[in-house]
Amino acid sequence: MKTILVPIKTIERSSVMLQYAIDFASAINASLIVLYSYGEIRMANTISRVDDAMRFLAEEELELFLEAMDVKKVPIRQVCSKGNMLDCIWELQQKEEIDLMVGKTRTNRRNQQLYIGKFTGDMIQKIDCPIIIVPNNYVFKRIETILMAIKSGILKREDLLLPLHAMHSEFNVTLNLLQVITPYVKEKDLLINKELKNICSTFKTTENGTIFQGVLEHLNVNYPDLICVIRRKKGFFEKLWKDNSVKREDFESRVPLLVLRGDS
């Protein structure tokens, strides 16, 4: 992994996420792009000077924010874009090779029921890029153990496991693979992809109603530093997702969650 993207919508609630991204990038010798989107002016005949002023204020705000962070020696490029954040991310992807994004769990105190809010949920579902979701107040530590949960052992994308290969190379991680056998599982899904089998340290199967129930059941056995799942059209978030968000009563993790890009 060479380039990590950190999209920031609200600066005052993004310090934990950004510091994690900086520390993670430092550990794997990657660079960061910090993307900050400022509001699009919705009025006819908008004066260009007003737009220039908004960009200047956004750039100044982002600069001050980064000055308050411990940036170590990580190369950081600042990008300020006008408009909807998802559109800004998509446009940036057309120009840059983004290997990983960093997002955060819900931090809005007005809605403590959500683990993942709508914006992070939108990124997972609509942006074709792996993403690490960082819990509130989580401080980066060396990743030594990963719990990866799958339902199907079939991997259609050749580049799907690249983030895991990078972590295995940099951290020499122990990858504990958990296959959750749910009702009506197809026999072909029980076969494990050879590439995945080669990088996993342990392999275990469990029978549960859903894949996230299997994850929750085995968390206290593995004590992972990272949980890994694959985004699929019918997979980990299939029954959790409502309005592109995840409720805490359904799933919550105190360690980062890596969502790999699976089905488009």
C-alpha atoms as a PDB file:
ATOM      1  CA  MET A   1       0.000   0.000   0.000  1.00  0.00           C
ATOM      2  CA  LYS A   2       1.449   3.307  -1.092  1.00  0.00           C
ATOM      3  CA  THR A   3      -1.369   5.851  -0.850  1.00  0.00           C
ATOM      4  CA  ILE A   4      -4.016   6.171   1.872  1.00  0.00           C
ATOM      5  CA  LEU A   5      -6.970   8.538   1.569  1.00  0.00           C
ATOM      6  CA  VAL A   6      -8.520  10.216   4.607  1.00  0.00           C
ATOM      7  CA  PRO A   7     -11.802  11.972   3.713  1.00  0.00           C
ATOM      8  CA  ILE A   8     -12.786  14.612   6.263  1.00  0.00           C
ATOM      9  CA  LYS A   9     -16.247  16.162   6.399  1.00  0.00           C
ATOM     10  CA  THR A  10     -16.140  17.643   9.907  1.00  0.00           C
ATOM     11  CA  ILE A  11     -12.726  18.666  11.211  1.00  0.00           C
ATOM     12  CA  GLU A  12     -13.586  18.857  14.905  1.00  0.00           C
ATOM     13  CA  ARG A  13     -14.665  15.191  14.942  1.00  0.00           C
ATOM     14  CA  SER A  14     -11.871  13.735  12.812  1.00  0.00           C
ATOM     15  CA  SER A  15      -8.705  13.998  14.921  1.00  0.00           C
ATOM     16  CA  VAL A  16      -8.750  10.353  16.128  1.00  0.00           C
ATOM     17  CA  MET A  17      -9.307   9.044  12.601  1.00  0.00           C
ATOM     18  CA  LEU A  18      -6.568  11.222  11.112  1.00  0.00           C
ATOM     19  CA  GLN A  19      -4.012  10.384  13.809  1.00  0.00           C
ATOM     20  CA  TYR A  20      -4.705   6.681  13.296  1.00  0.00           C
ATOM     21  CA  ALA A  21      -4.195   7.111   9.550  1.00  0.00           C
ATOM     22  CA  ILE A  22      -0.910   8.959  10.134  1.00  0.00           C
ATOM     23  CA  ASP A  23       0.387   6.303  12.526  1.00  0.00           C
ATOM     24  CA  PHE A  24      -0.716   3.491  10.206  1.00  0.00           C
ATOM     25  CA  ALA A  25       0.919   5.166   7.193  1.00  0.00           C
ATOM     26  CA  SER A  26       4.110   5.682   9.190  1.00  0.00           C
ATOM     27  CA  ALA A  27       4.196   1.987  10.105  1.00  0.00           C
ATOM     28  CA  ILE A  28       3.888   0.802   6.488  1.00  0.00           C
ATOM     29  CA  ASN A  29       5.842   3.656   4.822  1.00  0.00           C
ATOM     30  CA  ALA A  30       2.828   4.990   2.946  1.00  0.00           C
ATOM     31  CA  SER A  31       1.770   8.540   2.085  1.00  0.00           C
ATOM     32  CA  LEU A  32      -1.519  10.253   2.927  1.00  0.00           C
ATOM     33  CA  ILE A  33      -3.983  12.327   0.992  1.00  0.00           C
ATOM     34  CA  VAL A  34      -6.247  14.294   3.312  1.00  0.00           C
ATOM     35  CA  LEU A  35      -9.394  15.319   1.462  1.00  0.00           C
ATOM     36  CA  TYR A  36     -11.559  18.061   2.945  1.00  0.00           C
ATOM     37  CA  SER A  37     -14.783  19.027   1.209  1.00  0.00           C
ATOM     38  CA  TYR A  38     -16.382  22.386   1.755  1.00  0.00           C
ATOM     39  CA  GLY A  39     -19.979  23.294   0.970  1.00  0.00           C
ATOM     40  CA  GLU A  40     -21.156  24.004  -2.515  1.00  0.00           C
ATOM     41  CA  ILE A  41     -22.827  27.382  -2.881  1.00  0.00           C
ATOM     42  CA  ARG A  42     -26.362  26.891  -4.155  1.00  0.00           C
ATOM     43  CA  MET A  43     -27.362  30.209  -5.653  1.00  0.00           C
ATOM     44  CA  ALA A  44     -27.678  31.589  -9.151  1.00  0.00           C
ATOM     45  CA  ASN A  45     -24.851  33.690 -10.600  1.00  0.00           C
ATOM     46  CA  THR A  46     -22.474  32.836  -7.775  1.00  0.00           C
ATOM     47  CA  ILE A  47     -19.643  35.334  -7.571  1.00  0.00           C
ATOM     48  CA  SER A  48     -16.338  33.552  -8.191  1.00  0.00           C
ATOM     49  CA  ARG A  49     -14.674  35.592  -5.451  1.00  0.00           C
ATOM     50  CA  VAL A  50     -17.046  34.066  -2.894  1.00  0.00           C
ATOM     51  CA  ASP A  51     -16.057  30.601  -4.067  1.00  0.00           C
ATOM     52  CA  ASP A  52     -12.377  31.531  -3.875  1.00  0.00           C
ATOM     53  CA  ALA A  53     -12.880  32.826  -0.349  1.00  0.00           C
ATOM     54  CA  MET A  54     -14.550  29.571   0.724  1.00  0.00           C
ATOM     55  CA  ARG A  55     -11.676  27.540  -0.702  1.00  0.00           C
ATOM     56  CA  PHE A  56      -9.128  29.756   1.055  1.00  0.00           C
ATOM     57  CA  LEU A  57     -10.906  29.353   4.400  1.00  0.00           C
ATOM     58  CA  ALA A  58     -11.140  25.576   3.926  1.00  0.00           C
ATOM     59  CA  GLU A  59      -7.433  25.307   3.083  1.00  0.00           C
ATOM     60  CA  GLU A  60      -6.526  27.443   6.088  1.00  0.00           C
ATOM     61  CA  GLU A  61      -8.739  25.391   8.410  1.00  0.00           C
ATOM     62  CA  LEU A  62      -7.222  22.130   7.153  1.00  0.00           C
ATOM     63  CA  GLU A  63      -3.692  23.504   7.495  1.00  0.00           C
ATOM     64  CA  LEU A  64      -4.294  24.495  11.124  1.00  0.00           C
ATOM     65  CA  PHE A  65      -5.844  21.099  11.810  1.00  0.00           C
ATOM     66  CA  LEU A  66      -2.802  19.249  10.480  1.00  0.00           C
ATOM     67  CA  GLU A  67      -0.431  21.499  12.431  1.00  0.00           C
ATOM     68  CA  ALA A  68      -2.054  20.221  15.623  1.00  0.00           C
ATOM     69  CA  MET A  69      -1.430  16.572  14.671  1.00  0.00           C
ATOM     70  CA  ASP A  70       1.668  14.456  15.235  1.00  0.00           C
ATOM     71  CA  VAL A  71       2.445  13.959  11.546  1.00  0.00           C
ATOM     72  CA  LYS A  72       5.730  12.112  12.177  1.00  0.00           C
ATOM     73  CA  LYS A  73       7.553  11.979   8.833  1.00  0.00           C
ATOM     74  CA  VAL A  74       4.568  10.878   6.778  1.00  0.00           C
ATOM     75  CA  PRO A  75       4.205  12.637   3.407  1.00  0.00           C
ATOM     76  CA  ILE A  76       0.805  14.335   3.506  1.00  0.00           C
ATOM     77  CA  ARG A  77      -0.932  16.052   0.630  1.00  0.00           C
ATOM     78  CA  GLN A  78      -3.859  18.309   1.387  1.00  0.00           C
ATOM     79  CA  VAL A  79      -6.775  18.511  -1.043  1.00  0.00           C
ATOM     80  CA  CYS A  80      -9.774  20.813  -0.614  1.00  0.00           C
ATOM     81  CA  SER A  81     -12.699  20.223  -2.964  1.00  0.00           C
ATOM     82  CA  LYS A  82     -16.087  21.844  -3.310  1.00  0.00           C
ATOM     83  CA  GLY A  83     -19.267  19.817  -3.191  1.00  0.00           C
ATOM     84  CA  ASN A  84     -20.523  16.408  -2.131  1.00  0.00           C
ATOM     85  CA  MET A  85     -17.794  14.331  -0.460  1.00  0.00           C
ATOM     86  CA  LEU A  86     -18.596  11.105  -2.328  1.00  0.00           C
ATOM     87  CA  ASP A  87     -18.310  12.973  -5.630  1.00  0.00           C
ATOM     88  CA  CYS A  88     -15.024  14.500  -4.472  1.00  0.00           C
ATOM     89  CA  ILE A  89     -13.650  11.055  -3.590  1.00  0.00           C
ATOM     90  CA  TRP A  90     -14.720   9.635  -6.947  1.00  0.00           C
ATOM     91  CA  GLU A  91     -13.084  12.508  -8.851  1.00  0.00           C
ATOM     92  CA  LEU A  92      -9.872  12.070  -6.872  1.00  0.00           C
ATOM     93  CA  GLN A  93      -9.841   8.357  -7.652  1.00  0.00           C
ATOM     94  CA  GLN A  94      -9.783   9.175 -11.357  1.00  0.00           C
ATOM     95  CA  LYS A  95      -6.497  11.033 -10.868  1.00  0.00           C
ATOM     96  CA  GLU A  96      -4.786   9.072  -8.098  1.00  0.00           C
ATOM     97  CA  GLU A  97      -4.222   5.412  -7.257  1.00  0.00           C
ATOM     98  CA  ILE A  98      -5.821   5.067  -3.829  1.00  0.00           C
ATOM     99  CA  ASP A  99      -4.942   1.815  -2.064  1.00  0.00           C
ATOM    100  CA  LEU A 100      -6.938   2.305   1.136  1.00  0.00           C
ATOM    101  CA  MET A 101      -9.349   4.727   2.780  1.00  0.00           C
ATOM    102  CA  VAL A 102      -9.743   5.450   6.477  1.00  0.00           C
ATOM    103  CA  GLY A 103     -13.173   6.158   7.946  1.00  0.00           C
ATOM    104  CA  LYS A 104     -14.624   6.381  11.436  1.00  0.00           C
ATOM    105  CA  THR A 105     -17.451   5.047  13.521  1.00  0.00           C
ATOM    106  CA  ARG A 106     -20.345   7.263  14.490  1.00  0.00           C
ATOM    107  CA  THR A 107     -19.226  10.151  16.724  1.00  0.00           C
ATOM    108  CA  ASN A 108     -22.397  12.234  16.830  1.00  0.00           C
ATOM    109  CA  ARG A 109     -23.579  12.190  20.438  1.00  0.00           C
ATOM    110  CA  ARG A 110     -27.147  12.876  19.343  1.00  0.00           C
ATOM    111  CA  ASN A 111     -27.414   9.365  17.926  1.00  0.00           C
ATOM    112  CA  GLN A 112     -25.535   6.893  20.116  1.00  0.00           C
ATOM    113  CA  GLN A 113     -27.468   3.949  18.665  1.00  0.00           C
ATOM    114  CA  LEU A 114     -25.421   3.874  15.468  1.00  0.00           C
ATOM    115  CA  TYR A 115     -22.050   2.142  15.148  1.00  0.00           C
ATOM    116  CA  ILE A 116     -21.519   3.269  11.550  1.00  0.00           C
ATOM    117  CA  GLY A 117     -23.249   6.418  10.353  1.00  0.00           C
ATOM    118  CA  LYS A 118     -24.610   7.190   6.911  1.00  0.00           C
ATOM    119  CA  PHE A 119     -21.490   8.854   5.494  1.00  0.00           C
ATOM    120  CA  THR A 120     -19.135   5.980   6.346  1.00  0.00           C
ATOM    121  CA  GLY A 121     -21.827   3.575   5.200  1.00  0.00           C
ATOM    122  CA  ASP A 122     -22.079   5.392   1.883  1.00  0.00           C
ATOM    123  CA  MET A 123     -18.318   5.118   1.405  1.00  0.00           C
ATOM    124  CA  ILE A 124     -18.372   1.370   2.045  1.00  0.00           C
ATOM    125  CA  GLN A 125     -21.224   0.741  -0.359  1.00  0.00           C
ATOM    126  CA  LYS A 126     -20.541   3.260  -3.119  1.00  0.00           C
ATOM    127  CA  ILE A 127     -16.756   3.770  -3.288  1.00  0.00           C
ATOM    128  CA  ASP A 128     -14.743   0.945  -4.826  1.00  0.00           C
ATOM    129  CA  CYS A 129     -11.868   0.932  -2.357  1.00  0.00           C
ATOM    130  CA  PRO A 130     -10.982  -1.010   0.804  1.00  0.00           C
ATOM    131  CA  ILE A 131     -11.600   0.967   3.984  1.00  0.00           C
ATOM    132  CA  ILE A 132     -10.510   0.767   7.622  1.00  0.00           C
ATOM    133  CA  ILE A 133     -13.137   2.006  10.073  1.00  0.00           C
ATOM    134  CA  VAL A 134     -11.603   3.409  13.269  1.00  0.00           C
ATOM    135  CA  PRO A 135     -13.563   3.306  16.565  1.00  0.00           C
ATOM    136  CA  ASN A 136     -13.933   6.400  18.733  1.00  0.00           C
ATOM    137  CA  ASN A 137     -10.836   7.246  20.800  1.00  0.00           C
ATOM    138  CA  TYR A 138      -8.875   4.316  19.328  1.00  0.00           C
ATOM    139  CA  VAL A 139      -5.084   4.736  19.343  1.00  0.00           C
ATOM    140  CA  PHE A 140      -3.056   2.929  16.689  1.00  0.00           C
ATOM    141  CA  LYS A 141      -1.033  -0.069  17.765  1.00  0.00           C
ATOM    142  CA  ARG A 142       0.950  -2.585  15.796  1.00  0.00           C
ATOM    143  CA  ILE A 143      -1.365  -5.076  14.080  1.00  0.00           C
ATOM    144  CA  GLU A 144      -0.369  -8.572  15.156  1.00  0.00           C
ATOM    145  CA  THR A 145      -3.612 -10.557  14.912  1.00  0.00           C
ATOM    146  CA  ILE A 146      -6.404 -10.254  12.351  1.00  0.00           C
ATOM    147  CA  LEU A 147      -9.728 -12.061  12.585  1.00  0.00           C
ATOM    148  CA  MET A 148     -11.129 -12.430   9.086  1.00  0.00           C
ATOM    149  CA  ALA A 149     -14.709 -13.636   8.722  1.00  0.00           C
ATOM    150  CA  ILE A 150     -16.103 -14.999   5.471  1.00  0.00           C
ATOM    151  CA  LYS A 151     -19.209 -16.863   4.410  1.00  0.00           C
ATOM    152  CA  SER A 152     -18.077 -17.868   0.939  1.00  0.00           C
ATOM    153  CA  GLY A 153     -14.515 -18.931   0.182  1.00  0.00           C
ATOM    154  CA  ILE A 154     -14.901 -17.765  -3.422  1.00  0.00           C
ATOM    155  CA  LEU A 155     -12.981 -14.566  -4.230  1.00  0.00           C
ATOM    156  CA  LYS A 156     -13.783 -13.070  -7.620  1.00  0.00           C
ATOM    157  CA  ARG A 157     -11.385 -10.106  -7.582  1.00  0.00           C
ATOM    158  CA  GLU A 158      -7.679 -10.705  -8.086  1.00  0.00           C
ATOM    159  CA  ASP A 159      -6.731  -7.592  -6.098  1.00  0.00           C
ATOM    160  CA  LEU A 160      -9.068  -8.222  -3.169  1.00  0.00           C
ATOM    161  CA  LEU A 161      -6.382  -9.442  -0.738  1.00  0.00           C
ATOM    162  CA  LEU A 162      -3.775  -6.749  -1.460  1.00  0.00           C
ATOM    163  CA  PRO A 163      -4.301  -4.902   1.870  1.00  0.00           C
ATOM    164  CA  LEU A 164      -3.832  -8.169   3.777  1.00  0.00           C
ATOM    165  CA  HIS A 165      -0.662  -8.967   1.832  1.00  0.00           C
ATOM    166  CA  ALA A 166       0.707  -5.523   2.714  1.00  0.00           C
ATOM    167  CA  MET A 167      -0.065  -5.964   6.416  1.00  0.00           C
ATOM    168  CA  HIS A 168       1.388  -9.463   6.404  1.00  0.00           C
ATOM    169  CA  SER A 169       4.571  -8.098   4.856  1.00  0.00           C
ATOM    170  CA  GLU A 170       4.926  -5.114   7.208  1.00  0.00           C
ATOM    171  CA  PHE A 171       3.641  -6.594  10.478  1.00  0.00           C
ATOM    172  CA  ASN A 172       4.022 -10.360   9.958  1.00  0.00           C
ATOM    173  CA  VAL A 173       0.459 -10.730  11.191  1.00  0.00           C
ATOM    174  CA  THR A 174      -1.334 -13.825  12.365  1.00  0.00           C
ATOM    175  CA  LEU A 175      -4.440 -14.134  10.199  1.00  0.00           C
ATOM    176  CA  ASN A 176      -7.167 -16.231  11.811  1.00  0.00           C
ATOM    177  CA  LEU A 177      -9.710 -17.158   9.160  1.00  0.00           C
ATOM    178  CA  LEU A 178     -13.252 -17.877  10.318  1.00  0.00           C
ATOM    179  CA  GLN A 179     -15.761 -19.317   7.873  1.00  0.00           C
ATOM    180  CA  VAL A 180     -19.295 -18.804   9.104  1.00  0.00           C
ATOM    181  CA  ILE A 181     -21.627 -21.463   7.748  1.00  0.00           C
ATOM    182  CA  THR A 182     -25.092 -19.984   7.599  1.00  0.00           C
ATOM    183  CA  PRO A 183     -28.394 -21.678   6.726  1.00  0.00           C
ATOM    184  CA  TYR A 184     -28.828 -22.513   3.045  1.00  0.00           C
ATOM    185  CA  VAL A 185     -25.078 -22.266   2.376  1.00  0.00           C
ATOM    186  CA  LYS A 186     -24.062 -23.540  -1.052  1.00  0.00           C
ATOM    187  CA  GLU A 187     -21.560 -26.379  -1.294  1.00  0.00           C
ATOM    188  CA  LYS A 188     -19.299 -24.400  -3.631  1.00  0.00           C
ATOM    189  CA  ASP A 189     -18.936 -21.675  -0.985  1.00  0.00           C
ATOM    190  CA  LEU A 190     -17.216 -24.128   1.355  1.00  0.00           C
ATOM    191  CA  LEU A 191     -14.145 -24.205  -0.907  1.00  0.00           C
ATOM    192  CA  ILE A 192     -11.481 -21.716   0.245  1.00  0.00           C
ATOM    193  CA  ASN A 193      -9.559 -19.600  -2.249  1.00  0.00           C
ATOM    194  CA  LYS A 194      -5.943 -20.861  -2.492  1.00  0.00           C
ATOM    195  CA  GLU A 195      -4.393 -17.404  -2.112  1.00  0.00           C
ATOM    196  CA  LEU A 196      -6.398 -16.771   1.042  1.00  0.00           C
ATOM    197  CA  LYS A 197      -5.589 -20.211   2.401  1.00  0.00           C
ATOM    198  CA  ASN A 198      -1.861 -19.557   1.905  1.00  0.00           C
ATOM    199  CA  ILE A 199      -1.777 -16.366   3.970  1.00  0.00           C
ATOM    200  CA  CYS A 200      -4.016 -17.481   6.853  1.00  0.00           C
ATOM    201  CA  SER A 201      -2.401 -18.897  10.000  1.00  0.00           C
ATOM    202  CA  THR A 202      -5.444 -20.716  11.375  1.00  0.00           C
ATOM    203  CA  PHE A 203      -8.752 -21.786   9.886  1.00  0.00           C
ATOM    204  CA  LYS A 204     -11.972 -22.527  11.713  1.00  0.00           C
ATOM    205  CA  THR A 205     -15.603 -23.026  10.787  1.00  0.00           C
ATOM    206  CA  THR A 206     -18.637 -22.136  12.846  1.00  0.00           C
ATOM    207  CA  GLU A 207     -22.369 -22.405  12.315  1.00  0.00           C
ATOM    208  CA  ASN A 208     -24.375 -19.253  12.913  1.00  0.00           C
ATOM    209  CA  GLY A 209     -27.484 -17.579  11.608  1.00  0.00           C
ATOM    210  CA  THR A 210     -25.461 -14.722  10.106  1.00  0.00           C
ATOM    211  CA  ILE A 211     -21.796 -13.953   9.566  1.00  0.00           C
ATOM    212  CA  PHE A 212     -21.787 -11.076  12.071  1.00  0.00           C
ATOM    213  CA  GLN A 213     -23.106 -13.419  14.782  1.00  0.00           C
ATOM    214  CA  GLY A 214     -20.096 -15.639  14.083  1.00  0.00           C
ATOM    215  CA  VAL A 215     -17.756 -12.663  14.415  1.00  0.00           C
ATOM    216  CA  LEU A 216     -19.232 -11.594  17.751  1.00  0.00           C
ATOM    217  CA  GLU A 217     -19.065 -15.162  19.076  1.00  0.00           C
ATOM    218  CA  HIS A 218     -15.347 -15.499  18.329  1.00  0.00           C
ATOM    219  CA  LEU A 219     -14.106 -12.023  19.261  1.00  0.00           C
ATOM    220  CA  ASN A 220     -13.230 -12.936  22.837  1.00  0.00           C
ATOM    221  CA  VAL A 221     -11.389 -16.061  21.703  1.00  0.00           C
ATOM    222  CA  ASN A 222      -9.125 -14.359  19.176  1.00  0.00           C
ATOM    223  CA  TYR A 223      -8.578 -10.910  20.748  1.00  0.00           C
ATOM    224  CA  PRO A 224      -7.738  -9.458  17.320  1.00  0.00           C
ATOM    225  CA  ASP A 225      -6.126  -6.093  16.630  1.00  0.00           C
ATOM    226  CA  LEU A 226      -8.222  -5.859  13.463  1.00  0.00           C
ATOM    227  CA  ILE A 227     -11.407  -7.457  12.134  1.00  0.00           C
ATOM    228  CA  CYS A 228     -11.613  -8.062   8.393  1.00  0.00           C
ATOM    229  CA  VAL A 229     -14.697  -8.721   6.281  1.00  0.00           C
ATOM    230  CA  ILE A 230     -15.491  -8.576   2.568  1.00  0.00           C
ATOM    231  CA  ARG A 231     -18.065  -6.251   1.101  1.00  0.00           C
ATOM    232  CA  ARG A 232     -20.511  -8.309  -0.924  1.00  0.00           C
ATOM    233  CA  LYS A 233     -23.954  -7.647  -2.337  1.00  0.00           C
ATOM    234  CA  LYS A 234     -25.190 -10.360  -0.013  1.00  0.00           C
ATOM    235  CA  GLY A 235     -22.745 -10.644   2.839  1.00  0.00           C
ATOM    236  CA  PHE A 236     -21.581  -9.186   6.125  1.00  0.00           C
ATOM    237  CA  PHE A 237     -23.800  -6.089   6.141  1.00  0.00           C
ATOM    238  CA  GLU A 238     -26.739  -7.629   4.302  1.00  0.00           C
ATOM    239  CA  LYS A 239     -29.082  -7.750   7.309  1.00  0.00           C
ATOM    240  CA  LEU A 240     -27.444  -4.943   9.262  1.00  0.00           C
ATOM    241  CA  TRP A 241     -27.774  -2.200   6.718  1.00  0.00           C
ATOM    242  CA  LYS A 242     -30.633   0.246   7.094  1.00  0.00           C
ATOM    243  CA  ASP A 243     -30.330   3.644   5.437  1.00  0.00           C
ATOM    244  CA  ASN A 244     -26.599   2.899   4.919  1.00  0.00           C
ATOM    245  CA  SER A 245     -25.907   2.662   8.648  1.00  0.00           C
ATOM    246  CA  VAL A 246     -25.190  -0.041  11.231  1.00  0.00           C
ATOM    247  CA  LYS A 247     -26.807  -0.065  14.677  1.00  0.00           C
ATOM    248  CA  ARG A 248     -24.709  -0.797  17.763  1.00  0.00           C
ATOM    249  CA  GLU A 249     -27.238  -3.365  18.943  1.00  0.00           C
ATOM    250  CA  ASP A 250     -26.480  -5.393  15.785  1.00  0.00           C
ATOM    251  CA  PHE A 251     -22.724  -4.998  15.600  1.00  0.00           C
ATOM    252  CA  GLU A 252     -20.001  -3.047  17.357  1.00  0.00           C
ATOM    253  CA  SER A 253     -16.238  -3.469  17.514  1.00  0.00           C
ATOM    254  CA  ARG A 254     -13.684  -1.883  19.817  1.00  0.00           C
ATOM    255  CA  VAL A 255     -10.933  -2.549  17.280  1.00  0.00           C
ATOM    256  CA  PRO A 256     -10.698  -1.261  13.694  1.00  0.00           C
ATOM    257  CA  LEU A 257     -12.764  -2.962  11.016  1.00  0.00           C
ATOM    258  CA  LEU A 258     -11.231  -3.531   7.573  1.00  0.00           C
ATOM    259  CA  VAL A 259     -13.801  -3.881   4.792  1.00  0.00           C
ATOM    260  CA  LEU A 260     -12.292  -5.336   1.612  1.00  0.00           C
ATOM    261  CA  ARG A 261     -13.872  -4.594  -1.743  1.00  0.00           C
ATOM    262  CA  GLY A 262     -15.696  -7.631  -3.019  1.00  0.00           C
ATOM    263  CA  ASP A 263     -18.665  -7.567  -5.341  1.00  0.00           C
ATOM    264  CA  SER A 264     -19.168  -4.310  -7.192  1.00  0.00           C
END
